[in-house]
C-alpha atoms as a PDB file:
ATOM      1  CA  MET A   1      -9.776   3.705  21.235  1.00  0.00           C
ATOM      2  CA  ALA A   2      -6.581   2.803  23.083  1.00  0.00           C
ATOM      3  CA  ARG A   3      -2.892   2.178  22.641  1.00  0.00           C
ATOM      4  CA  LEU A   4      -1.818  -1.438  22.874  1.00  0.00           C
ATOM      5  CA  GLY A   5       1.732  -2.348  23.781  1.00  0.00           C
ATOM      6  CA  ARG A   6       4.519  -0.434  22.133  1.00  0.00           C
ATOM      7  CA  SER A   7       3.231   0.479  18.682  1.00  0.00           C
ATOM      8  CA  THR A   8      -0.432  -0.373  18.059  1.00  0.00           C
ATOM      9  CA  TRP A   9      -3.551   1.783  18.065  1.00  0.00           C
ATOM     10  CA  ALA A  10      -6.787  -0.059  18.766  1.00  0.00           C
ATOM     11  CA  LEU A  11      -9.404   1.957  16.926  1.00  0.00           C
ATOM     12  CA  GLY A  12     -12.406  -0.062  18.144  1.00  0.00           C
ATOM     13  CA  GLU A  13     -14.283  -2.998  16.693  1.00  0.00           C
ATOM     14  CA  ARG A  14     -16.998  -0.952  14.974  1.00  0.00           C
ATOM     15  CA  GLN A  15     -15.608   2.574  15.138  1.00  0.00           C
ATOM     16  CA  VAL A  16     -13.886   3.117  11.788  1.00  0.00           C
ATOM     17  CA  ALA A  17     -15.409   1.868   8.549  1.00  0.00           C
ATOM     18  CA  VAL A  18     -14.183   1.861   4.971  1.00  0.00           C
ATOM     19  CA  ILE A  19     -17.383   3.007   3.306  1.00  0.00           C
ATOM     20  CA  ALA A  20     -16.143   2.652  -0.262  1.00  0.00           C
ATOM     21  CA  ALA A  21     -12.902   2.138  -2.170  1.00  0.00           C
ATOM     22  CA  SER A  22     -11.845   2.666  -5.763  1.00  0.00           C
ATOM     23  CA  THR A  23      -8.987   1.595  -8.026  1.00  0.00           C
ATOM     24  CA  VAL A  24      -7.514   2.879 -11.281  1.00  0.00           C
ATOM     25  CA  ALA A  25      -5.000   0.472 -12.827  1.00  0.00           C
ATOM     26  CA  GLY A  26      -2.364   1.020 -15.501  1.00  0.00           C
ATOM     27  CA  SER A  27      -2.108  -0.979 -18.706  1.00  0.00           C
ATOM     28  CA  LEU A  28       0.203  -3.787 -17.551  1.00  0.00           C
ATOM     29  CA  GLU A  29      -1.651  -4.106 -14.244  1.00  0.00           C
ATOM     30  CA  SER A  30      -4.913  -4.332 -16.203  1.00  0.00           C
ATOM     31  CA  GLN A  31      -3.510  -7.334 -18.075  1.00  0.00           C
ATOM     32  CA  GLY A  32      -2.498  -9.158 -14.895  1.00  0.00           C
ATOM     33  CA  PRO A  33      -4.263 -11.872 -12.894  1.00  0.00           C
ATOM     34  CA  LEU A  34      -6.212  -9.362 -10.731  1.00  0.00           C
ATOM     35  CA  SER A  35      -7.546  -7.329 -13.654  1.00  0.00           C
ATOM     36  CA  ASP A  36     -11.227  -8.034 -12.955  1.00  0.00           C
ATOM     37  CA  ALA A  37     -10.934  -6.533  -9.469  1.00  0.00           C
ATOM     38  CA  PHE A  38     -10.026  -3.023 -10.671  1.00  0.00           C
ATOM     39  CA  ASP A  39     -12.679  -0.365 -11.278  1.00  0.00           C
ATOM     40  CA  VAL A  40     -10.857   1.425 -14.098  1.00  0.00           C
ATOM     41  CA  ARG A  41      -8.435  -0.370 -16.425  1.00  0.00           C
ATOM     42  CA  LEU A  42      -6.334   1.899 -18.614  1.00  0.00           C
ATOM     43  CA  SER A  43      -4.912   0.864 -21.968  1.00  0.00           C
ATOM     44  CA  ASP A  44      -2.598   3.885 -22.109  1.00  0.00           C
ATOM     45  CA  ASP A  45      -0.287   4.709 -19.192  1.00  0.00           C
ATOM     46  CA  ARG A  46      -0.234   8.332 -20.331  1.00  0.00           C
ATOM     47  CA  ALA A  47      -3.973   8.552 -19.698  1.00  0.00           C
ATOM     48  CA  GLY A  48      -4.222  10.957 -22.624  1.00  0.00           C
ATOM     49  CA  GLU A  49      -1.754  13.398 -21.041  1.00  0.00           C
ATOM     50  CA  ASP A  50       1.524  14.796 -22.375  1.00  0.00           C
ATOM     51  CA  SER A  51       3.713  13.622 -19.486  1.00  0.00           C
ATOM     52  CA  TRP A  52       3.923  10.666 -17.113  1.00  0.00           C
ATOM     53  CA  GLU A  53       3.566  12.984 -14.122  1.00  0.00           C
ATOM     54  CA  ARG A  54       0.318  14.510 -15.379  1.00  0.00           C
ATOM     55  CA  ALA A  55      -0.950  11.014 -16.149  1.00  0.00           C
ATOM     56  CA  GLU A  56      -0.374   9.968 -12.530  1.00  0.00           C
ATOM     57  CA  GLN A  57      -2.200  13.060 -11.303  1.00  0.00           C
ATOM     58  CA  VAL A  58      -5.156  12.169 -13.531  1.00  0.00           C
ATOM     59  CA  MET A  59      -5.221   8.628 -12.114  1.00  0.00           C
ATOM     60  CA  PHE A  60      -5.291   9.945  -8.536  1.00  0.00           C
ATOM     61  CA  HIS A  61      -8.008  12.441  -9.505  1.00  0.00           C
ATOM     62  CA  ARG A  62     -10.158   9.698 -11.047  1.00  0.00           C
ATOM     63  CA  ALA A  63      -9.676   7.375  -8.071  1.00  0.00           C
ATOM     64  CA  ALA A  64     -10.743  10.083  -5.620  1.00  0.00           C
ATOM     65  CA  GLU A  65     -13.799  11.062  -7.629  1.00  0.00           C
ATOM     66  CA  LEU A  66     -14.871   7.437  -8.037  1.00  0.00           C
ATOM     67  CA  ALA A  67     -14.460   6.717  -4.320  1.00  0.00           C
ATOM     68  CA  CYS A  68     -16.655   9.701  -3.462  1.00  0.00           C
ATOM     69  CA  GLU A  69     -19.227   8.601  -6.023  1.00  0.00           C
ATOM     70  CA  LYS A  70     -19.329   5.032  -4.686  1.00  0.00           C
ATOM     71  CA  ALA A  71     -19.666   6.306  -1.108  1.00  0.00           C
ATOM     72  CA  SER A  72     -22.332   8.877  -2.092  1.00  0.00           C
ATOM     73  CA  VAL A  73     -20.143  11.523  -0.474  1.00  0.00           C
ATOM     74  CA  LYS A  74     -19.711  14.929  -2.069  1.00  0.00           C
ATOM     75  CA  PRO A  75     -16.141  16.290  -1.986  1.00  0.00           C
ATOM     76  CA  GLU A  76     -17.237  19.255   0.115  1.00  0.00           C
ATOM     77  CA  ALA A  77     -18.370  16.793   2.814  1.00  0.00           C
ATOM     78  CA  LEU A  78     -14.831  15.472   3.296  1.00  0.00           C
ATOM     79  CA  ASP A  79     -13.272  16.716   6.528  1.00  0.00           C
ATOM     80  CA  LEU A  80      -9.772  15.586   5.592  1.00  0.00           C
ATOM     81  CA  VAL A  81      -7.805  14.130   2.670  1.00  0.00           C
ATOM     82  CA  VAL A  82      -4.689  12.061   3.441  1.00  0.00           C
ATOM     83  CA  GLY A  83      -2.446  10.607   0.775  1.00  0.00           C
ATOM     84  CA  ALA A  84       0.904  10.052  -0.850  1.00  0.00           C
ATOM     85  CA  ASP A  85       2.841   9.237  -3.980  1.00  0.00           C
ATOM     86  CA  LEU A  86       6.514   8.690  -4.826  1.00  0.00           C
ATOM     87  CA  ASN A  87       7.207  11.962  -6.593  1.00  0.00           C
ATOM     88  CA  ALA A  88       9.212  14.775  -5.036  1.00  0.00           C
ATOM     89  CA  GLN A  89       7.015  17.049  -2.919  1.00  0.00           C
ATOM     90  CA  LEU A  90       4.086  14.626  -3.378  1.00  0.00           C
ATOM     91  CA  THR A  91       3.037  16.385  -6.558  1.00  0.00           C
ATOM     92  CA  SER A  92       0.654  13.670  -7.752  1.00  0.00           C
ATOM     93  CA  PHE A  93      -1.255  13.833  -4.481  1.00  0.00           C
ATOM     94  CA  TYR A  94      -1.359  17.596  -4.096  1.00  0.00           C
ATOM     95  CA  MET A  95      -1.820  18.507  -7.755  1.00  0.00           C
ATOM     96  CA  GLY A  96      -4.054  15.572  -8.600  1.00  0.00           C
ATOM     97  CA  LEU A  97      -6.450  16.287  -5.723  1.00  0.00           C
ATOM     98  CA  ARG A  98      -6.249  20.083  -5.529  1.00  0.00           C
ATOM     99  CA  HIS A  99      -9.690  20.273  -7.139  1.00  0.00           C
ATOM    100  CA  LEU A 100     -11.192  18.860  -3.926  1.00  0.00           C
ATOM    101  CA  ALA A 101     -10.330  22.084  -2.052  1.00  0.00           C
ATOM    102  CA  ARG A 102     -10.412  20.273   1.286  1.00  0.00           C
ATOM    103  CA  PRO A 103      -7.948  20.093   4.219  1.00  0.00           C
ATOM    104  CA  MET A 104      -5.063  17.891   3.098  1.00  0.00           C
ATOM    105  CA  LEU A 105      -2.221  16.002   4.770  1.00  0.00           C
ATOM    106  CA  GLY A 106       0.499  14.555   2.570  1.00  0.00           C
ATOM    107  CA  VAL A 107       2.342  11.620   4.179  1.00  0.00           C
ATOM    108  CA  TYR A 108       5.365   9.628   3.105  1.00  0.00           C
ATOM    109  CA  SER A 109       6.629   6.147   3.916  1.00  0.00           C
ATOM    110  CA  ALA A 110       7.585   5.303   0.323  1.00  0.00           C
ATOM    111  CA  CYS A 111       5.667   2.176  -0.744  1.00  0.00           C
ATOM    112  CA  ALA A 112       4.283   1.780   2.807  1.00  0.00           C
ATOM    113  CA  SER A 113       2.397   5.065   2.485  1.00  0.00           C
ATOM    114  CA  ILE A 114      -1.105   3.621   2.116  1.00  0.00           C
ATOM    115  CA  CYS A 115      -0.930   2.122   5.612  1.00  0.00           C
ATOM    116  CA  GLU A 116       0.374   5.412   7.012  1.00  0.00           C
ATOM    117  CA  ALA A 117      -2.454   7.270   5.260  1.00  0.00           C
ATOM    118  CA  LEU A 118      -5.062   4.823   6.573  1.00  0.00           C
ATOM    119  CA  ALA A 119      -3.619   5.030  10.098  1.00  0.00           C
ATOM    120  CA  VAL A 120      -3.806   8.846  10.142  1.00  0.00           C
ATOM    121  CA  ALA A 121      -7.264   8.828   8.551  1.00  0.00           C
ATOM    122  CA  GLY A 122      -8.528   6.151  10.935  1.00  0.00           C
ATOM    123  CA  LEU A 123      -7.167   8.035  13.945  1.00  0.00           C
ATOM    124  CA  ALA A 124      -8.944  11.218  12.835  1.00  0.00           C
ATOM    125  CA  VAL A 125     -12.241   9.346  12.534  1.00  0.00           C
ATOM    126  CA  ALA A 126     -11.880   7.327  15.746  1.00  0.00           C
ATOM    127  CA  THR A 127     -11.127  10.436  17.823  1.00  0.00           C
ATOM    128  CA  GLY A 128     -14.052  12.362  16.356  1.00  0.00           C
ATOM    129  CA  PHE A 129     -11.906  15.018  14.711  1.00  0.00           C
ATOM    130  CA  ALA A 130     -13.317  13.993  11.319  1.00  0.00           C
ATOM    131  CA  ASP A 131     -16.485  12.327  10.099  1.00  0.00           C
ATOM    132  CA  LYS A 132     -15.443  11.555   6.535  1.00  0.00           C
ATOM    133  CA  VAL A 133     -11.853  11.166   5.355  1.00  0.00           C
ATOM    134  CA  LEU A 134     -10.434  10.223   1.968  1.00  0.00           C
ATOM    135  CA  ALA A 135      -7.167   8.249   2.007  1.00  0.00           C
ATOM    136  CA  GLY A 136      -5.230   7.096  -1.044  1.00  0.00           C
ATOM    137  CA  THR A 137      -1.981   6.711  -2.936  1.00  0.00           C
ATOM    138  CA  SER A 138      -0.651   6.628  -6.487  1.00  0.00           C
ATOM    139  CA  SER A 139       2.502   5.602  -8.322  1.00  0.00           C
ATOM    140  CA  HIS A 140       3.640   5.282 -11.930  1.00  0.00           C
ATOM    141  CA  THR A 141       6.432   3.146 -13.291  1.00  0.00           C
ATOM    142  CA  SER A 142       7.714   5.908 -15.565  1.00  0.00           C
ATOM    143  CA  THR A 143       7.647   8.715 -12.999  1.00  0.00           C
ATOM    144  CA  ALA A 144       9.412   6.478 -10.476  1.00  0.00           C
ATOM    145  CA  GLU A 145      12.060   5.383 -12.977  1.00  0.00           C
ATOM    146  CA  ARG A 146      12.721   9.000 -13.889  1.00  0.00           C
ATOM    147  CA  GLN A 147      13.317   9.828 -10.224  1.00  0.00           C
ATOM    148  CA  PHE A 148      14.889   6.825  -8.571  1.00  0.00           C
ATOM    149  CA  ARG A 149      16.797   4.850 -11.171  1.00  0.00           C
ATOM    150  CA  TYR A 150      17.793   5.552 -14.750  1.00  0.00           C
ATOM    151  CA  PRO A 151      16.017   7.325 -17.608  1.00  0.00           C
ATOM    152  CA  THR A 152      13.618   4.849 -19.141  1.00  0.00           C
ATOM    153  CA  GLU A 153      15.227   5.490 -22.528  1.00  0.00           C
ATOM    154  CA  TYR A 154      18.539   4.145 -21.220  1.00  0.00           C
ATOM    155  CA  GLY A 155      17.209   0.593 -21.084  1.00  0.00           C
ATOM    156  CA  VAL A 156      19.565  -0.583 -18.354  1.00  0.00           C
ATOM    157  CA  GLN A 157      19.752  -4.342 -17.797  1.00  0.00           C
ATOM    158  CA  ARG A 158      17.998  -5.400 -14.595  1.00  0.00           C
ATOM    159  CA  PRO A 159      18.619  -8.477 -12.433  1.00  0.00           C
ATOM    160  CA  PRO A 160      15.819 -10.967 -11.614  1.00  0.00           C
ATOM    161  CA  SER A 161      15.558  -9.507  -8.088  1.00  0.00           C
ATOM    162  CA  ALA A 162      14.409  -6.123  -9.455  1.00  0.00           C
ATOM    163  CA  GLN A 163      10.759  -5.061  -9.209  1.00  0.00           C
ATOM    164  CA  ARG A 164       8.438  -3.013 -11.384  1.00  0.00           C
ATOM    165  CA  THR A 165       6.781   0.083  -9.930  1.00  0.00           C
ATOM    166  CA  VAL A 166       3.019  -0.365 -10.200  1.00  0.00           C
ATOM    167  CA  THR A 167       1.125   2.193 -12.284  1.00  0.00           C
ATOM    168  CA  GLY A 168      -2.205   3.188 -10.798  1.00  0.00           C
ATOM    169  CA  ALA A 169      -4.047   4.881  -7.955  1.00  0.00           C
ATOM    170  CA  GLY A 170      -6.552   3.985  -5.296  1.00  0.00           C
ATOM    171  CA  ALA A 171      -8.674   5.829  -2.758  1.00  0.00           C
ATOM    172  CA  ALA A 172     -10.936   4.919   0.142  1.00  0.00           C
ATOM    173  CA  ILE A 173     -13.555   6.862   2.083  1.00  0.00           C
ATOM    174  CA  LEU A 174     -13.435   6.298   5.841  1.00  0.00           C
ATOM    175  CA  GLY A 175     -16.266   7.115   8.223  1.00  0.00           C
ATOM    176  CA  ARG A 176     -17.427   6.383  11.727  1.00  0.00           C
ATOM    177  CA  GLY A 177     -19.561   3.317  12.438  1.00  0.00           C
ATOM    178  CA  ARG A 178     -20.229   0.266  10.341  1.00  0.00           C
ATOM    179  CA  GLY A 179     -19.342  -0.400   6.737  1.00  0.00           C
ATOM    180  CA  LYS A 180     -18.278  -3.090   4.300  1.00  0.00           C
ATOM    181  CA  TRP A 181     -14.825  -3.234   5.849  1.00  0.00           C
ATOM    182  CA  GLN A 182     -13.761  -2.179   9.347  1.00  0.00           C
ATOM    183  CA  ILE A 183     -10.343  -0.897  10.377  1.00  0.00           C
ATOM    184  CA  THR A 184      -9.665  -2.156  13.892  1.00  0.00           C
ATOM    185  CA  HIS A 185      -5.936  -1.647  14.492  1.00  0.00           C
ATOM    186  CA  ALA A 186      -2.955   0.281  13.169  1.00  0.00           C
ATOM    187  CA  THR A 187       0.602  -0.705  14.056  1.00  0.00           C
ATOM    188  CA  ILE A 188       3.256   1.938  13.408  1.00  0.00           C
ATOM    189  CA  GLY A 189       6.557   0.510  12.227  1.00  0.00           C
ATOM    190  CA  GLU A 190      10.144   1.261  13.128  1.00  0.00           C
ATOM    191  CA  ILE A 191      13.132   1.704  10.834  1.00  0.00           C
ATOM    192  CA  ALA A 192      14.962  -1.499   9.949  1.00  0.00           C
ATOM    193  CA  ASP A 193      18.318  -1.359   8.180  1.00  0.00           C
ATOM    194  CA  PHE A 194      20.170  -4.572   7.375  1.00  0.00           C
ATOM    195  CA  GLY A 195      22.837  -2.930   5.251  1.00  0.00           C
ATOM    196  CA  VAL A 196      21.388  -3.509   1.769  1.00  0.00           C
ATOM    197  CA  ARG A 197      22.696  -0.889  -0.669  1.00  0.00           C
ATOM    198  CA  SER A 198      21.531  -2.069  -4.083  1.00  0.00           C
ATOM    199  CA  PRO A 199      18.313  -0.441  -5.403  1.00  0.00           C
ATOM    200  CA  TRP A 200      17.730  -3.705  -7.281  1.00  0.00           C
ATOM    201  CA  GLU A 201      17.310  -5.551  -3.967  1.00  0.00           C
ATOM    202  CA  MET A 202      14.278  -3.767  -2.557  1.00  0.00           C
ATOM    203  CA  GLY A 203      12.643  -6.996  -1.387  1.00  0.00           C
ATOM    204  CA  ALA A 204      15.705  -7.928   0.642  1.00  0.00           C
ATOM    205  CA  ALA A 205      15.911  -4.416   2.101  1.00  0.00           C
ATOM    206  CA  MET A 206      12.247  -4.305   3.168  1.00  0.00           C
ATOM    207  CA  ALA A 207      11.633  -7.881   4.376  1.00  0.00           C
ATOM    208  CA  PRO A 208      13.196  -7.320   7.851  1.00  0.00           C
ATOM    209  CA  ALA A 209      10.939  -4.289   8.426  1.00  0.00           C
ATOM    210  CA  ALA A 210       7.868  -6.339   7.525  1.00  0.00           C
ATOM    211  CA  CYS A 211       8.954  -9.116   9.889  1.00  0.00           C
ATOM    212  CA  ASP A 212       9.483  -6.644  12.744  1.00  0.00           C
ATOM    213  CA  THR A 213       6.066  -5.016  12.268  1.00  0.00           C
ATOM    214  CA  ILE A 214       4.183  -8.317  12.020  1.00  0.00           C
ATOM    215  CA  ARG A 215       5.916  -9.584  15.161  1.00  0.00           C
ATOM    216  CA  GLN A 216       5.221  -6.313  17.027  1.00  0.00           C
ATOM    217  CA  HIS A 217       1.572  -6.256  15.967  1.00  0.00           C
ATOM    218  CA  LEU A 218       1.024  -9.789  17.224  1.00  0.00           C
ATOM    219  CA  ALA A 219       2.799  -9.019  20.500  1.00  0.00           C
ATOM    220  CA  ASP A 220       0.836  -5.790  21.065  1.00  0.00           C
ATOM    221  CA  THR A 221      -2.560  -7.338  20.314  1.00  0.00           C
ATOM    222  CA  GLY A 222      -1.966 -10.753  21.875  1.00  0.00           C
ATOM    223  CA  ARG A 223      -2.904 -12.358  18.586  1.00  0.00           C
ATOM    224  CA  SER A 224      -1.185 -15.046  16.563  1.00  0.00           C
ATOM    225  CA  LEU A 225      -0.927 -15.713  12.853  1.00  0.00           C
ATOM    226  CA  ASN A 226      -3.866 -18.081  13.276  1.00  0.00           C
ATOM    227  CA  ASP A 227      -6.085 -15.099  14.101  1.00  0.00           C
ATOM    228  CA  TYR A 228      -5.771 -13.814  10.526  1.00  0.00           C
ATOM    229  CA  ASP A 229      -7.039 -15.412   7.363  1.00  0.00           C
ATOM    230  CA  LEU A 230      -4.305 -13.582   5.483  1.00  0.00           C
ATOM    231  CA  VAL A 231      -1.282 -11.467   6.351  1.00  0.00           C
ATOM    232  CA  VAL A 232      -0.150  -9.649   3.231  1.00  0.00           C
ATOM    233  CA  THR A 233       2.848  -7.403   2.769  1.00  0.00           C
ATOM    234  CA  GLY A 234       2.944  -4.587   0.291  1.00  0.00           C
ATOM    235  CA  ASP A 235       5.872  -4.596  -2.018  1.00  0.00           C
ATOM    236  CA  LEU A 236       8.368  -7.369  -1.344  1.00  0.00           C
ATOM    237  CA  GLY A 237       7.916  -9.258  -4.598  1.00  0.00           C
ATOM    238  CA  ARG A 238       8.680 -12.950  -4.837  1.00  0.00           C
ATOM    239  CA  VAL A 239      12.288 -12.625  -3.656  1.00  0.00           C
ATOM    240  CA  GLY A 240      11.387 -10.507  -0.625  1.00  0.00           C
ATOM    241  CA  LEU A 241       8.412 -12.724   0.229  1.00  0.00           C
ATOM    242  CA  ASP A 242      10.661 -15.775   0.423  1.00  0.00           C
ATOM    243  CA  ILE A 243      13.018 -13.870   2.730  1.00  0.00           C
ATOM    244  CA  LEU A 244      10.137 -12.683   4.937  1.00  0.00           C
ATOM    245  CA  ARG A 245       8.722 -16.187   5.328  1.00  0.00           C
ATOM    246  CA  HIS A 246      12.143 -17.454   6.319  1.00  0.00           C
ATOM    247  CA  LEU A 247      12.553 -14.635   8.863  1.00  0.00           C
ATOM    248  CA  LEU A 248       9.135 -15.249  10.436  1.00  0.00           C
ATOM    249  CA  VAL A 249       9.981 -18.897  10.978  1.00  0.00           C
ATOM    250  CA  GLU A 250      13.484 -18.079  12.203  1.00  0.00           C
ATOM    251  CA  GLU A 251      12.090 -15.525  14.682  1.00  0.00           C
ATOM    252  CA  GLY A 252       9.586 -18.046  16.003  1.00  0.00           C
ATOM    253  CA  VAL A 253       6.510 -16.111  14.905  1.00  0.00           C
ATOM    254  CA  ALA A 254       4.884 -19.210  13.403  1.00  0.00           C
ATOM    255  CA  PRO A 255       5.866 -22.585  11.962  1.00  0.00           C
ATOM    256  CA  ALA A 256       6.747 -22.847   8.277  1.00  0.00           C
ATOM    257  CA  SER A 257       3.584 -24.812   7.494  1.00  0.00           C
ATOM    258  CA  LEU A 258       1.412 -21.906   8.688  1.00  0.00           C
ATOM    259  CA  VAL A 259       3.565 -19.080   7.315  1.00  0.00           C
ATOM    260  CA  SER A 260       3.516 -20.587   3.828  1.00  0.00           C
ATOM    261  CA  VAL A 261      -0.290 -20.480   3.598  1.00  0.00           C
ATOM    262  CA  ARG A 262      -1.121 -17.342   5.630  1.00  0.00           C
ATOM    263  CA  VAL A 263       1.583 -14.894   4.523  1.00  0.00           C
ATOM    264  CA  SER A 264       1.586 -13.436   1.011  1.00  0.00           C
ATOM    265  CA  ASP A 265       2.599 -10.241  -0.796  1.00  0.00           C
ATOM    266  CA  CYS A 266       0.760  -7.775  -3.034  1.00  0.00           C
ATOM    267  CA  GLY A 267       3.820  -7.371  -5.247  1.00  0.00           C
ATOM    268  CA  ALA A 268       3.868 -11.103  -5.878  1.00  0.00           C
ATOM    269  CA  MET A 269       0.145 -11.142  -6.670  1.00  0.00           C
ATOM    270  CA  ILE A 270      -0.421  -8.207  -9.027  1.00  0.00           C
ATOM    271  CA  TYR A 271       1.521  -9.566 -12.025  1.00  0.00           C
ATOM    272  CA  ALA A 272       1.713 -12.979 -13.617  1.00  0.00           C
ATOM    273  CA  GLU A 273       5.233 -14.414 -13.644  1.00  0.00           C
ATOM    274  CA  ASP A 274       5.228 -14.571 -17.447  1.00  0.00           C
ATOM    275  CA  GLN A 275       4.302 -10.900 -17.942  1.00  0.00           C
ATOM    276  CA  PRO A 276       7.120  -8.888 -19.549  1.00  0.00           C
ATOM    277  CA  GLU A 277       9.543  -6.855 -17.422  1.00  0.00           C
ATOM    278  CA  VAL A 278       7.965  -7.548 -14.034  1.00  0.00           C
ATOM    279  CA  PHE A 279      11.002  -9.451 -12.727  1.00  0.00           C
ATOM    280  CA  SER A 280      10.425 -10.298  -9.031  1.00  0.00           C
ATOM    281  CA  GLY A 281       7.017  -8.583  -8.976  1.00  0.00           C
ATOM    282  CA  GLY A 282       5.465  -5.239  -8.164  1.00  0.00           C
ATOM    283  CA  SER A 283       6.331  -2.356  -5.863  1.00  0.00           C
ATOM    284  CA  GLY A 284       5.296   1.285  -5.585  1.00  0.00           C
ATOM    285  CA  ALA A 285       2.851   3.284  -3.502  1.00  0.00           C
ATOM    286  CA  ALA A 286      -0.069   1.993  -5.595  1.00  0.00           C
ATOM    287  CA  CYS A 287       0.894  -1.677  -5.372  1.00  0.00           C
ATOM    288  CA  SER A 288      -0.702  -2.636  -2.054  1.00  0.00           C
ATOM    289  CA  THR A 289      -3.438  -0.043  -2.612  1.00  0.00           C
ATOM    290  CA  LEU A 290      -4.644  -1.634  -5.850  1.00  0.00           C
ATOM    291  CA  VAL A 291      -4.411  -5.195  -4.566  1.00  0.00           C
ATOM    292  CA  THR A 292      -6.100  -4.417  -1.243  1.00  0.00           C
ATOM    293  CA  PHE A 293      -8.830  -2.018  -2.389  1.00  0.00           C
ATOM    294  CA  GLY A 294      -9.517  -4.168  -5.431  1.00  0.00           C
ATOM    295  CA  HIS A 295      -8.816  -7.872  -5.012  1.00  0.00           C
ATOM    296  CA  LEU A 296      -8.597  -8.349  -1.235  1.00  0.00           C
ATOM    297  CA  PHE A 297     -11.637  -6.238  -0.383  1.00  0.00           C
ATOM    298  CA  ARG A 298     -13.597  -8.262  -2.929  1.00  0.00           C
ATOM    299  CA  GLU A 299     -12.390 -11.471  -1.262  1.00  0.00           C
ATOM    300  CA  MET A 300     -13.659 -10.103   2.051  1.00  0.00           C
ATOM    301  CA  GLU A 301     -17.038  -9.225   0.544  1.00  0.00           C
ATOM    302  CA  ARG A 302     -17.331 -12.783  -0.711  1.00  0.00           C
ATOM    303  CA  GLY A 303     -16.566 -14.173   2.725  1.00  0.00           C
ATOM    304  CA  ARG A 304     -13.289 -15.802   1.718  1.00  0.00           C
ATOM    305  CA  VAL A 305     -11.292 -13.508   4.024  1.00  0.00           C
ATOM    306  CA  ASN A 306     -12.796 -12.280   7.283  1.00  0.00           C
ATOM    307  CA  ARG A 307      -9.749 -10.785   8.984  1.00  0.00           C
ATOM    308  CA  LEU A 308      -6.846  -9.295   7.048  1.00  0.00           C
ATOM    309  CA  LEU A 309      -3.555  -7.742   8.156  1.00  0.00           C
ATOM    310  CA  LEU A 310      -1.992  -5.470   5.551  1.00  0.00           C
ATOM    311  CA  CYS A 311       1.678  -4.648   6.183  1.00  0.00           C
ATOM    312  CA  ALA A 312       2.775  -2.286   3.442  1.00  0.00           C
ATOM    313  CA  THR A 313       6.546  -1.906   3.118  1.00  0.00           C
ATOM    314  CA  GLY A 314       8.669   1.072   2.097  1.00  0.00           C
ATOM    315  CA  ALA A 315      12.319   1.495   1.107  1.00  0.00           C
ATOM    316  CA  LEU A 316      13.417   4.919   2.342  1.00  0.00           C
ATOM    317  CA  LEU A 317      16.121   5.751  -0.167  1.00  0.00           C
ATOM    318  CA  SER A 318      16.544   8.840  -2.322  1.00  0.00           C
ATOM    319  CA  GLN A 319      18.616   9.813  -5.343  1.00  0.00           C
ATOM    320  CA  VAL A 320      21.091  11.556  -3.071  1.00  0.00           C
ATOM    321  CA  SER A 321      21.380   8.789  -0.478  1.00  0.00           C
ATOM    322  CA  ALA A 322      21.851   6.131  -3.160  1.00  0.00           C
ATOM    323  CA  GLN A 323      24.544   8.123  -4.953  1.00  0.00           C
ATOM    324  CA  GLN A 324      26.345   8.664  -1.647  1.00  0.00           C
ATOM    325  CA  GLY A 325      26.500   4.921  -1.060  1.00  0.00           C
ATOM    326  CA  GLU A 326      24.105   4.915   1.881  1.00  0.00           C
ATOM    327  CA  THR A 327      22.302   1.777   2.947  1.00  0.00           C
ATOM    328  CA  ILE A 328      18.550   1.490   2.344  1.00  0.00           C
ATOM    329  CA  PRO A 329      16.563   1.854   5.589  1.00  0.00           C
ATOM    330  CA  SER A 330      13.036   0.471   5.392  1.00  0.00           C
ATOM    331  CA  ILE A 331       9.768   0.687   7.273  1.00  0.00           C
ATOM    332  CA  SER A 332       6.501  -1.218   7.424  1.00  0.00           C
ATOM    333  CA  HIS A 333       3.173  -0.115   8.891  1.00  0.00           C
ATOM    334  CA  ALA A 334       0.240  -2.487   9.451  1.00  0.00           C
ATOM    335  CA  ILE A 335      -3.527  -2.058   9.232  1.00  0.00           C
ATOM    336  CA  ALA A 336      -5.938  -4.727  10.483  1.00  0.00           C
ATOM    337  CA  PHE A 337      -9.206  -5.057   8.570  1.00  0.00           C
ATOM    338  CA  GLU A 338     -12.265  -7.075   9.469  1.00  0.00           C
ATOM    339  CA  ARG A 339     -15.219  -7.953   7.308  1.00  0.00           C
ATOM    340  CA  GLY A 340     -18.095  -5.595   7.993  1.00  0.00           C
ATOM    341  CA  ASP A 341     -21.820  -5.726   7.387  1.00  0.00           C
END
């Protein structure tokens, strides 16, 4: 492996493999256009539990167990577990996966956390410090609303630019060598802050970070947008996706004709536009995880996508920073996947 340019780790063409991946989707996500791509489709977002937080822990637990089962890897064979959620102190990750009793690293880049988790997991495998690593994330619309916005019972009116936090969890098992999907590069993002303060404008806040990371990845690797069948961001929604496409053209990354067909967003894909209360689309730590581990990996298996760049995006606000009138800094990390054997 090697470092390329300013921000990119080249992990090797056939060094780090995604052996198996799993997805557990909430009820609204299970009714969306990507429903068939999810392993577990819940009809009850409480998952039989007495709180939203315990429900999210159960989803993460199920995703981890299913990933191990699909990879034929026993939990005790995992050298490392890396993951994240949106709850304070990463309680869904730590409490949901405490049964694994393995070395654990909780990471946090808000909704960009799956790419951070995959980067750390891939680095551990590529350097030989781990043979098998589980990486995953979870989020839940009701736990996120309880923390970041208003009580769900309040029923506050939302503008069309708002997004819905995706309910679900996903996990992947990484190992050394060849697999269905290879991780070849990880580009670590920088903070971008364009002065957005409204928590209803997450897409606008995160789009500049996604643009910066895509541009840096291409510069570091010497690639162009033409080298990828699809470049997909994590959580911009339809409003943020439009802004990102405009920025990429404005920055000279690629012409509009290419950007419009090669650049998409998981948040714009996971829900149908006519589904209730999805507004501009999806967000949340599970958004890009569900779409990538479910739908996009299946597209790669079918040969429709051979090289994929996932640029998950995260808005780094908190209850305190929002109430103090701070702007919303954002970050985006990128993971390059290639179709494996």
